Amino acid sequence: MLKFATTLFFIVAVLACGNVETEEETIDIPGNGIPAAIETAFRAAYPGATDVEWDVDDDHYEVEFKVNGDKMELEYGFDGKVLDFED
C-alpha cells in the first residue's frame, strides 16, 4: 500500500508541474518558420549577422544576432514593421 501511495504522489506531483504556465511563453522556431518578407528584410538590413536565433511571441517575432561580435536584438510585428531594437 505504501508503494501505491508513493507512486500516486509522484504521478500527481509530475502532472501538477507540467501545468505551470509562465506569464510570457516564447517558442523557438527555425529561421524557415519566419515569414519570408520579414526574414528577407532582416537579411537586407544586417547582411553580416551571425548567430541568428528567431523566436515568436504572442504579438511579435524576435531575432537575436551578432554583428561584428556585438549582440543585438530586434523585434518585428506580425505586419513586418520593426517594433523595437536593442544593442
PDB file of N, CA and C in Angstrom:
ATOM      1  N   MET A   1       0.818  -1.198   0.000  1.00  0.00           N
ATOM      2  CA  MET A   1       0.000   0.000   0.000  1.00  0.00           C
ATOM      3  C   MET A   1       0.861   1.260   0.000  1.00  0.00           C
ATOM      4  N   LEU A   2       1.979   1.222   0.727  1.00  0.00           N
ATOM      5  CA  LEU A   2       2.870   2.371   0.788  1.00  0.00           C
ATOM      6  C   LEU A   2       3.475   2.660  -0.592  1.00  0.00           C
ATOM      7  N   LYS A   3       3.833   1.618  -1.349  1.00  0.00           N
ATOM      8  CA  LYS A   3       4.360   1.806  -2.702  1.00  0.00           C
ATOM      9  C   LYS A   3       3.321   2.474  -3.593  1.00  0.00           C
ATOM     10  N   PHE A   4       2.083   2.038  -3.497  1.00  0.00           N
ATOM     11  CA  PHE A   4       1.000   2.626  -4.294  1.00  0.00           C
ATOM     12  C   PHE A   4       0.821   4.099  -3.961  1.00  0.00           C
ATOM     13  N   ALA A   5       0.798   4.450  -2.688  1.00  0.00           N
ATOM     14  CA  ALA A   5       0.605   5.831  -2.260  1.00  0.00           C
ATOM     15  C   ALA A   5       1.780   6.700  -2.720  1.00  0.00           C
ATOM     16  N   THR A   6       2.996   6.177  -2.601  1.00  0.00           N
ATOM     17  CA  THR A   6       4.185   6.922  -3.026  1.00  0.00           C
ATOM     18  C   THR A   6       4.165   7.139  -4.533  1.00  0.00           C
ATOM     19  N   THR A   7       3.843   6.113  -5.281  1.00  0.00           N
ATOM     20  CA  THR A   7       3.763   6.226  -6.734  1.00  0.00           C
ATOM     21  C   THR A   7       2.690   7.226  -7.146  1.00  0.00           C
ATOM     22  N   LEU A   8       1.538   7.159  -6.522  1.00  0.00           N
ATOM     23  CA  LEU A   8       0.458   8.088  -6.821  1.00  0.00           C
ATOM     24  C   LEU A   8       0.870   9.523  -6.519  1.00  0.00           C
ATOM     25  N   PHE A   9       1.566   9.732  -5.408  1.00  0.00           N
ATOM     26  CA  PHE A   9       2.037  11.072  -5.046  1.00  0.00           C
ATOM     27  C   PHE A   9       2.959  11.632  -6.136  1.00  0.00           C
ATOM     28  N   PHE A  10       3.915  10.830  -6.594  1.00  0.00           N
ATOM     29  CA  PHE A  10       4.844  11.297  -7.621  1.00  0.00           C
ATOM     30  C   PHE A  10       4.150  11.565  -8.952  1.00  0.00           C
ATOM     31  N   ILE A  11       3.189  10.771  -9.305  1.00  0.00           N
ATOM     32  CA  ILE A  11       2.453  10.996 -10.556  1.00  0.00           C
ATOM     33  C   ILE A  11       1.692  12.317 -10.478  1.00  0.00           C
ATOM     34  N   VAL A  12       1.027  12.559  -9.361  1.00  0.00           N
ATOM     35  CA  VAL A  12       0.280  13.813  -9.192  1.00  0.00           C
ATOM     36  C   VAL A  12       1.239  15.001  -9.194  1.00  0.00           C
ATOM     37  N   ALA A  13       2.393  14.867  -8.538  1.00  0.00           N
ATOM     38  CA  ALA A  13       3.373  15.949  -8.495  1.00  0.00           C
ATOM     39  C   ALA A  13       3.893  16.280  -9.890  1.00  0.00           C
ATOM     40  N   VAL A  14       4.196  15.268 -10.682  1.00  0.00           N
ATOM     41  CA  VAL A  14       4.705  15.487 -12.042  1.00  0.00           C
ATOM     42  C   VAL A  14       3.636  16.140 -12.908  1.00  0.00           C
ATOM     43  N   LEU A  15       2.416  15.676 -12.823  1.00  0.00           N
ATOM     44  CA  LEU A  15       1.335  16.268 -13.608  1.00  0.00           C
ATOM     45  C   LEU A  15       1.065  17.704 -13.201  1.00  0.00           C
ATOM     46  N   ALA A  16       1.150  18.005 -11.923  1.00  0.00           N
ATOM     47  CA  ALA A  16       0.921  19.367 -11.450  1.00  0.00           C
ATOM     48  C   ALA A  16       2.007  20.307 -11.968  1.00  0.00           C
ATOM     49  N   CYS A  17       3.240  19.858 -12.004  1.00  0.00           N
ATOM     50  CA  CYS A  17       4.338  20.689 -12.504  1.00  0.00           C
ATOM     51  C   CYS A  17       4.218  20.935 -13.997  1.00  0.00           C
ATOM     52  N   GLY A  18       3.662  20.011 -14.709  1.00  0.00           N
ATOM     53  CA  GLY A  18       3.519  20.161 -16.152  1.00  0.00           C
ATOM     54  C   GLY A  18       2.493  21.186 -16.549  1.00  0.00           C
ATOM     55  N   ASN A  19       1.615  21.574 -15.660  1.00  0.00           N
ATOM     56  CA  ASN A  19       0.574  22.539 -15.976  1.00  0.00           C
ATOM     57  C   ASN A  19       0.918  23.958 -15.560  1.00  0.00           C
ATOM     58  N   VAL A  20       2.121  24.197 -15.084  1.00  0.00           N
ATOM     59  CA  VAL A  20       2.530  25.533 -14.693  1.00  0.00           C
ATOM     60  C   VAL A  20       2.736  26.366 -15.944  1.00  0.00           C
ATOM     61  N   GLU A  21       2.121  27.542 -15.996  1.00  0.00           N
ATOM     62  CA  GLU A  21       2.266  28.427 -17.145  1.00  0.00           C
ATOM     63  C   GLU A  21       3.052  29.660 -16.730  1.00  0.00           C
ATOM     64  N   THR A  22       3.887  30.128 -17.621  1.00  0.00           N
ATOM     65  CA  THR A  22       4.616  31.357 -17.362  1.00  0.00           C
ATOM     66  C   THR A  22       3.832  32.526 -17.922  1.00  0.00           C
ATOM     67  N   GLU A  23       4.167  33.709 -17.436  1.00  0.00           N
ATOM     68  CA  GLU A  23       3.458  34.900 -17.881  1.00  0.00           C
ATOM     69  C   GLU A  23       3.674  35.150 -19.369  1.00  0.00           C
ATOM     70  N   GLU A  24       4.892  34.909 -19.830  1.00  0.00           N
ATOM     71  CA  GLU A  24       5.204  35.118 -21.246  1.00  0.00           C
ATOM     72  C   GLU A  24       5.925  33.887 -21.751  1.00  0.00           C
ATOM     73  N   GLU A  25       5.315  33.152 -22.644  1.00  0.00           N
ATOM     74  CA  GLU A  25       5.956  31.974 -23.206  1.00  0.00           C
ATOM     75  C   GLU A  25       6.493  32.301 -24.583  1.00  0.00           C
ATOM     76  N   THR A  26       7.740  31.932 -24.823  1.00  0.00           N
ATOM     77  CA  THR A  26       8.381  32.148 -26.109  1.00  0.00           C
ATOM     78  C   THR A  26       8.723  30.792 -26.687  1.00  0.00           C
ATOM     79  N   ILE A  27       8.437  30.599 -27.937  1.00  0.00           N
ATOM     80  CA  ILE A  27       8.666  29.330 -28.599  1.00  0.00           C
ATOM     81  C   ILE A  27       9.764  29.514 -29.636  1.00  0.00           C
ATOM     82  N   ASP A  28      10.823  28.740 -29.519  1.00  0.00           N
ATOM     83  CA  ASP A  28      11.877  28.789 -30.528  1.00  0.00           C
ATOM     84  C   ASP A  28      11.357  28.161 -31.804  1.00  0.00           C
ATOM     85  N   ILE A  29      11.590  28.825 -32.915  1.00  0.00           N
ATOM     86  CA  ILE A  29      11.208  28.270 -34.207  1.00  0.00           C
ATOM     87  C   ILE A  29      12.385  28.435 -35.145  1.00  0.00           C
ATOM     88  N   PRO A  30      12.528  27.547 -36.102  1.00  0.00           N
ATOM     89  CA  PRO A  30      13.641  27.669 -37.037  1.00  0.00           C
ATOM     90  C   PRO A  30      13.467  28.881 -37.941  1.00  0.00           C
ATOM     91  N   GLY A  31      14.584  29.354 -38.486  1.00  0.00           N
ATOM     92  CA  GLY A  31      14.547  30.521 -39.374  1.00  0.00           C
ATOM     93  C   GLY A  31      13.571  30.372 -40.519  1.00  0.00           C
ATOM     94  N   ASN A  32      13.377  29.170 -41.017  1.00  0.00           N
ATOM     95  CA  ASN A  32      12.461  28.996 -42.144  1.00  0.00           C
ATOM     96  C   ASN A  32      10.993  29.054 -41.706  1.00  0.00           C
ATOM     97  N   GLY A  33      10.715  29.178 -40.387  1.00  0.00           N
ATOM     98  CA  GLY A  33       9.351  29.344 -39.905  1.00  0.00           C
ATOM     99  C   GLY A  33       8.936  30.801 -39.858  1.00  0.00           C
ATOM    100  N   ILE A  34       9.846  31.692 -40.168  1.00  0.00           N
ATOM    101  CA  ILE A  34       9.582  33.133 -40.181  1.00  0.00           C
ATOM    102  C   ILE A  34       9.070  33.501 -41.572  1.00  0.00           C
ATOM    103  N   PRO A  35       8.070  34.388 -41.650  1.00  0.00           N
ATOM    104  CA  PRO A  35       7.590  34.805 -42.971  1.00  0.00           C
ATOM    105  C   PRO A  35       8.749  35.323 -43.833  1.00  0.00           C
ATOM    106  N   ALA A  36       8.735  34.961 -45.077  1.00  0.00           N
ATOM    107  CA  ALA A  36       9.830  35.308 -45.997  1.00  0.00           C
ATOM    108  C   ALA A  36      10.080  36.810 -46.058  1.00  0.00           C
ATOM    109  N   ALA A  37       9.027  37.613 -46.043  1.00  0.00           N
ATOM    110  CA  ALA A  37       9.203  39.069 -46.136  1.00  0.00           C
ATOM    111  C   ALA A  37       9.985  39.609 -44.942  1.00  0.00           C
ATOM    112  N   ILE A  38       9.721  39.080 -43.749  1.00  0.00           N
ATOM    113  CA  ILE A  38      10.428  39.543 -42.557  1.00  0.00           C
ATOM    114  C   ILE A  38      11.868  39.075 -42.567  1.00  0.00           C
ATOM    115  N   GLU A  39      12.089  37.814 -42.910  1.00  0.00           N
ATOM    116  CA  GLU A  39      13.451  37.302 -42.954  1.00  0.00           C
ATOM    117  C   GLU A  39      14.273  38.007 -44.035  1.00  0.00           C
ATOM    118  N   THR A  40      13.670  38.289 -45.171  1.00  0.00           N
ATOM    119  CA  THR A  40      14.358  38.998 -46.247  1.00  0.00           C
ATOM    120  C   THR A  40      14.718  40.421 -45.816  1.00  0.00           C
ATOM    121  N   ALA A  41      13.791  41.110 -45.139  1.00  0.00           N
ATOM    122  CA  ALA A  41      14.068  42.472 -44.656  1.00  0.00           C
ATOM    123  C   ALA A  41      15.206  42.458 -43.641  1.00  0.00           C
ATOM    124  N   PHE A  42      15.209  41.475 -42.756  1.00  0.00           N
ATOM    125  CA  PHE A  42      16.281  41.362 -41.770  1.00  0.00           C
ATOM    126  C   PHE A  42      17.621  41.123 -42.450  1.00  0.00           C
ATOM    127  N   ARG A  43      17.671  40.168 -43.377  1.00  0.00           N
ATOM    128  CA  ARG A  43      18.926  39.848 -44.072  1.00  0.00           C
ATOM    129  C   ARG A  43      19.438  41.031 -44.886  1.00  0.00           C
ATOM    130  N   ALA A  44      18.527  41.834 -45.453  1.00  0.00           N
ATOM    131  CA  ALA A  44      18.941  43.007 -46.217  1.00  0.00           C
ATOM    132  C   ALA A  44      19.523  44.082 -45.292  1.00  0.00           C
ATOM    133  N   ALA A  45      18.935  44.237 -44.105  1.00  0.00           N
ATOM    134  CA  ALA A  45      19.394  45.254 -43.162  1.00  0.00           C
ATOM    135  C   ALA A  45      20.683  44.842 -42.447  1.00  0.00           C
ATOM    136  N   TYR A  46      20.854  43.536 -42.218  1.00  0.00           N
ATOM    137  CA  TYR A  46      22.011  43.031 -41.474  1.00  0.00           C
ATOM    138  C   TYR A  46      22.643  41.849 -42.215  1.00  0.00           C
ATOM    139  N   PRO A  47      23.263  42.108 -43.376  1.00  0.00           N
ATOM    140  CA  PRO A  47      23.810  41.006 -44.182  1.00  0.00           C
ATOM    141  C   PRO A  47      24.958  40.262 -43.500  1.00  0.00           C
ATOM    142  N   GLY A  48      25.649  40.899 -42.571  1.00  0.00           N
ATOM    143  CA  GLY A  48      26.770  40.254 -41.889  1.00  0.00           C
ATOM    144  C   GLY A  48      26.394  39.634 -40.559  1.00  0.00           C
ATOM    145  N   ALA A  49      25.103  39.506 -40.261  1.00  0.00           N
ATOM    146  CA  ALA A  49      24.665  38.968 -38.974  1.00  0.00           C
ATOM    147  C   ALA A  49      25.079  37.508 -38.813  1.00  0.00           C
ATOM    148  N   THR A  50      25.522  37.170 -37.598  1.00  0.00           N
ATOM    149  CA  THR A  50      25.888  35.799 -37.267  1.00  0.00           C
ATOM    150  C   THR A  50      25.124  35.374 -36.016  1.00  0.00           C
ATOM    151  N   ASP A  51      25.158  34.097 -35.702  1.00  0.00           N
ATOM    152  CA  ASP A  51      24.476  33.547 -34.520  1.00  0.00           C
ATOM    153  C   ASP A  51      23.019  34.010 -34.445  1.00  0.00           C
ATOM    154  N   VAL A  52      22.322  33.927 -35.558  1.00  0.00           N
ATOM    155  CA  VAL A  52      20.944  34.411 -35.660  1.00  0.00           C
ATOM    156  C   VAL A  52      19.993  33.389 -35.036  1.00  0.00           C
ATOM    157  N   GLU A  53      19.169  33.844 -34.084  1.00  0.00           N
ATOM    158  CA  GLU A  53      18.179  32.993 -33.429  1.00  0.00           C
ATOM    159  C   GLU A  53      16.829  33.697 -33.448  1.00  0.00           C
ATOM    160  N   TRP A  54      15.827  33.051 -34.016  1.00  0.00           N
ATOM    161  CA  TRP A  54      14.476  33.604 -34.112  1.00  0.00           C
ATOM    162  C   TRP A  54      13.577  33.006 -33.035  1.00  0.00           C
ATOM    163  N   ASP A  55      12.692  33.825 -32.495  1.00  0.00           N
ATOM    164  CA  ASP A  55      11.649  33.398 -31.568  1.00  0.00           C
ATOM    165  C   ASP A  55      10.348  34.055 -32.013  1.00  0.00           C
ATOM    166  N   VAL A  56       9.235  33.482 -31.603  1.00  0.00           N
ATOM    167  CA  VAL A  56       7.946  34.125 -31.840  1.00  0.00           C
ATOM    168  C   VAL A  56       7.251  34.275 -30.501  1.00  0.00           C
ATOM    169  N   ASP A  57       6.693  35.443 -30.264  1.00  0.00           N
ATOM    170  CA  ASP A  57       5.976  35.729 -29.034  1.00  0.00           C
ATOM    171  C   ASP A  57       4.508  35.931 -29.384  1.00  0.00           C
ATOM    172  N   ASP A  58       3.704  36.283 -28.428  1.00  0.00           N
ATOM    173  CA  ASP A  58       2.269  36.451 -28.668  1.00  0.00           C
ATOM    174  C   ASP A  58       1.955  37.480 -29.747  1.00  0.00           C
ATOM    175  N   ASP A  59       2.766  38.550 -29.817  1.00  0.00           N
ATOM    176  CA  ASP A  59       2.425  39.631 -30.736  1.00  0.00           C
ATOM    177  C   ASP A  59       3.577  40.120 -31.601  1.00  0.00           C
ATOM    178  N   HIS A  60       4.689  39.378 -31.644  1.00  0.00           N
ATOM    179  CA  HIS A  60       5.810  39.795 -32.480  1.00  0.00           C
ATOM    180  C   HIS A  60       6.808  38.659 -32.688  1.00  0.00           C
ATOM    181  N   TYR A  61       7.675  38.873 -33.681  1.00  0.00           N
ATOM    182  CA  TYR A  61       8.824  38.000 -33.911  1.00  0.00           C
ATOM    183  C   TYR A  61      10.028  38.683 -33.282  1.00  0.00           C
ATOM    184  N   GLU A  62      10.940  37.889 -32.743  1.00  0.00           N
ATOM    185  CA  GLU A  62      12.126  38.435 -32.106  1.00  0.00           C
ATOM    186  C   GLU A  62      13.340  37.735 -32.689  1.00  0.00           C
ATOM    187  N   VAL A  63      14.353  38.503 -33.021  1.00  0.00           N
ATOM    188  CA  VAL A  63      15.578  37.916 -33.552  1.00  0.00           C
ATOM    189  C   VAL A  63      16.756  38.438 -32.739  1.00  0.00           C
ATOM    190  N   GLU A  64      17.579  37.514 -32.247  1.00  0.00           N
ATOM    191  CA  GLU A  64      18.819  37.851 -31.565  1.00  0.00           C
ATOM    192  C   GLU A  64      19.953  37.471 -32.500  1.00  0.00           C
ATOM    193  N   PHE A  65      20.965  38.338 -32.580  1.00  0.00           N
ATOM    194  CA  PHE A  65      22.051  38.099 -33.518  1.00  0.00           C
ATOM    195  C   PHE A  65      23.270  38.894 -33.110  1.00  0.00           C
ATOM    196  N   LYS A  66      24.374  38.652 -33.800  1.00  0.00           N
ATOM    197  CA  LYS A  66      25.606  39.396 -33.573  1.00  0.00           C
ATOM    198  C   LYS A  66      26.042  40.045 -34.874  1.00  0.00           C
ATOM    199  N   VAL A  67      26.553  41.256 -34.749  1.00  0.00           N
ATOM    200  CA  VAL A  67      27.167  41.966 -35.868  1.00  0.00           C
ATOM    201  C   VAL A  67      28.519  42.465 -35.366  1.00  0.00           C
ATOM    202  N   ASN A  68      29.568  42.047 -36.028  1.00  0.00           N
ATOM    203  CA  ASN A  68      30.936  42.384 -35.614  1.00  0.00           C
ATOM    204  C   ASN A  68      31.178  42.047 -34.150  1.00  0.00           C
ATOM    205  N   GLY A  69      30.619  40.941 -33.673  1.00  0.00           N
ATOM    206  CA  GLY A  69      30.819  40.499 -32.299  1.00  0.00           C
ATOM    207  C   GLY A  69      29.893  41.135 -31.278  1.00  0.00           C
ATOM    208  N   ASP A  70      29.115  42.151 -31.680  1.00  0.00           N
ATOM    209  CA  ASP A  70      28.184  42.817 -30.768  1.00  0.00           C
ATOM    210  C   ASP A  70      26.820  42.141 -30.813  1.00  0.00           C
ATOM    211  N   LYS A  71      26.282  41.790 -29.641  1.00  0.00           N
ATOM    212  CA  LYS A  71      24.983  41.134 -29.568  1.00  0.00           C
ATOM    213  C   LYS A  71      23.874  42.174 -29.723  1.00  0.00           C
ATOM    214  N   MET A  72      22.888  41.864 -30.542  1.00  0.00           N
ATOM    215  CA  MET A  72      21.768  42.761 -30.809  1.00  0.00           C
ATOM    216  C   MET A  72      20.464  41.983 -30.777  1.00  0.00           C
ATOM    217  N   GLU A  73      19.373  42.702 -30.595  1.00  0.00           N
ATOM    218  CA  GLU A  73      18.041  42.095 -30.582  1.00  0.00           C
ATOM    219  C   GLU A  73      17.076  43.027 -31.306  1.00  0.00           C
ATOM    220  N   LEU A  74      16.229  42.444 -32.114  1.00  0.00           N
ATOM    221  CA  LEU A  74      15.290  43.197 -32.928  1.00  0.00           C
ATOM    222  C   LEU A  74      13.934  42.529 -32.853  1.00  0.00           C
ATOM    223  N   GLU A  75      12.874  43.328 -32.766  1.00  0.00           N
ATOM    224  CA  GLU A  75      11.515  42.793 -32.746  1.00  0.00           C
ATOM    225  C   GLU A  75      10.755  43.303 -33.966  1.00  0.00           C
ATOM    226  N   TYR A  76      10.067  42.380 -34.631  1.00  0.00           N
ATOM    227  CA  TYR A  76       9.226  42.696 -35.777  1.00  0.00           C
ATOM    228  C   TYR A  76       7.778  42.389 -35.424  1.00  0.00           C
ATOM    229  N   GLY A  77       6.874  43.280 -35.797  1.00  0.00           N
ATOM    230  CA  GLY A  77       5.460  42.987 -35.664  1.00  0.00           C
ATOM    231  C   GLY A  77       5.063  41.962 -36.704  1.00  0.00           C
ATOM    232  N   PHE A  78       3.897  41.362 -36.521  1.00  0.00           N
ATOM    233  CA  PHE A  78       3.441  40.377 -37.498  1.00  0.00           C
ATOM    234  C   PHE A  78       3.214  41.014 -38.863  1.00  0.00           C
ATOM    235  N   ASP A  79       3.088  42.351 -38.896  1.00  0.00           N
ATOM    236  CA  ASP A  79       2.937  43.057 -40.169  1.00  0.00           C
ATOM    237  C   ASP A  79       4.272  43.355 -40.829  1.00  0.00           C
ATOM    238  N   GLY A  80       5.395  42.992 -40.167  1.00  0.00           N
ATOM    239  CA  GLY A  80       6.718  43.188 -40.748  1.00  0.00           C
ATOM    240  C   GLY A  80       7.413  44.462 -40.324  1.00  0.00           C
ATOM    241  N   LYS A  81       6.745  45.312 -39.557  1.00  0.00           N
ATOM    242  CA  LYS A  81       7.360  46.566 -39.112  1.00  0.00           C
ATOM    243  C   LYS A  81       8.242  46.337 -37.882  1.00  0.00           C
ATOM    244  N   VAL A  82       9.358  47.072 -37.810  1.00  0.00           N
ATOM    245  CA  VAL A  82      10.259  46.976 -36.667  1.00  0.00           C
ATOM    246  C   VAL A  82       9.579  47.644 -35.465  1.00  0.00           C
ATOM    247  N   LEU A  83       9.490  46.895 -34.362  1.00  0.00           N
ATOM    248  CA  LEU A  83       8.865  47.418 -33.157  1.00  0.00           C
ATOM    249  C   LEU A  83       9.877  47.914 -32.140  1.00  0.00           C
ATOM    250  N   ASP A  84      11.013  47.225 -32.039  1.00  0.00           N
ATOM    251  CA  ASP A  84      11.997  47.566 -31.013  1.00  0.00           C
ATOM    252  C   ASP A  84      13.371  47.089 -31.466  1.00  0.00           C
ATOM    253  N   PHE A  85      14.395  47.802 -31.028  1.00  0.00           N
ATOM    254  CA  PHE A  85      15.776  47.439 -31.343  1.00  0.00           C
ATOM    255  C   PHE A  85      16.619  47.638 -30.102  1.00  0.00           C
ATOM    256  N   GLU A  86      17.423  46.637 -29.754  1.00  0.00           N
ATOM    257  CA  GLU A  86      18.347  46.741 -28.623  1.00  0.00           C
ATOM    258  C   GLU A  86      19.729  46.311 -29.084  1.00  0.00           C
ATOM    259  N   ASP A  87      20.707  47.088 -28.695  1.00  0.00           N
ATOM    260  CA  ASP A  87      22.085  46.686 -28.985  1.00  0.00           C
ATOM    261  C   ASP A  87      22.898  46.673 -27.732  1.00  0.00           C
TER     262      ASP A  87
END
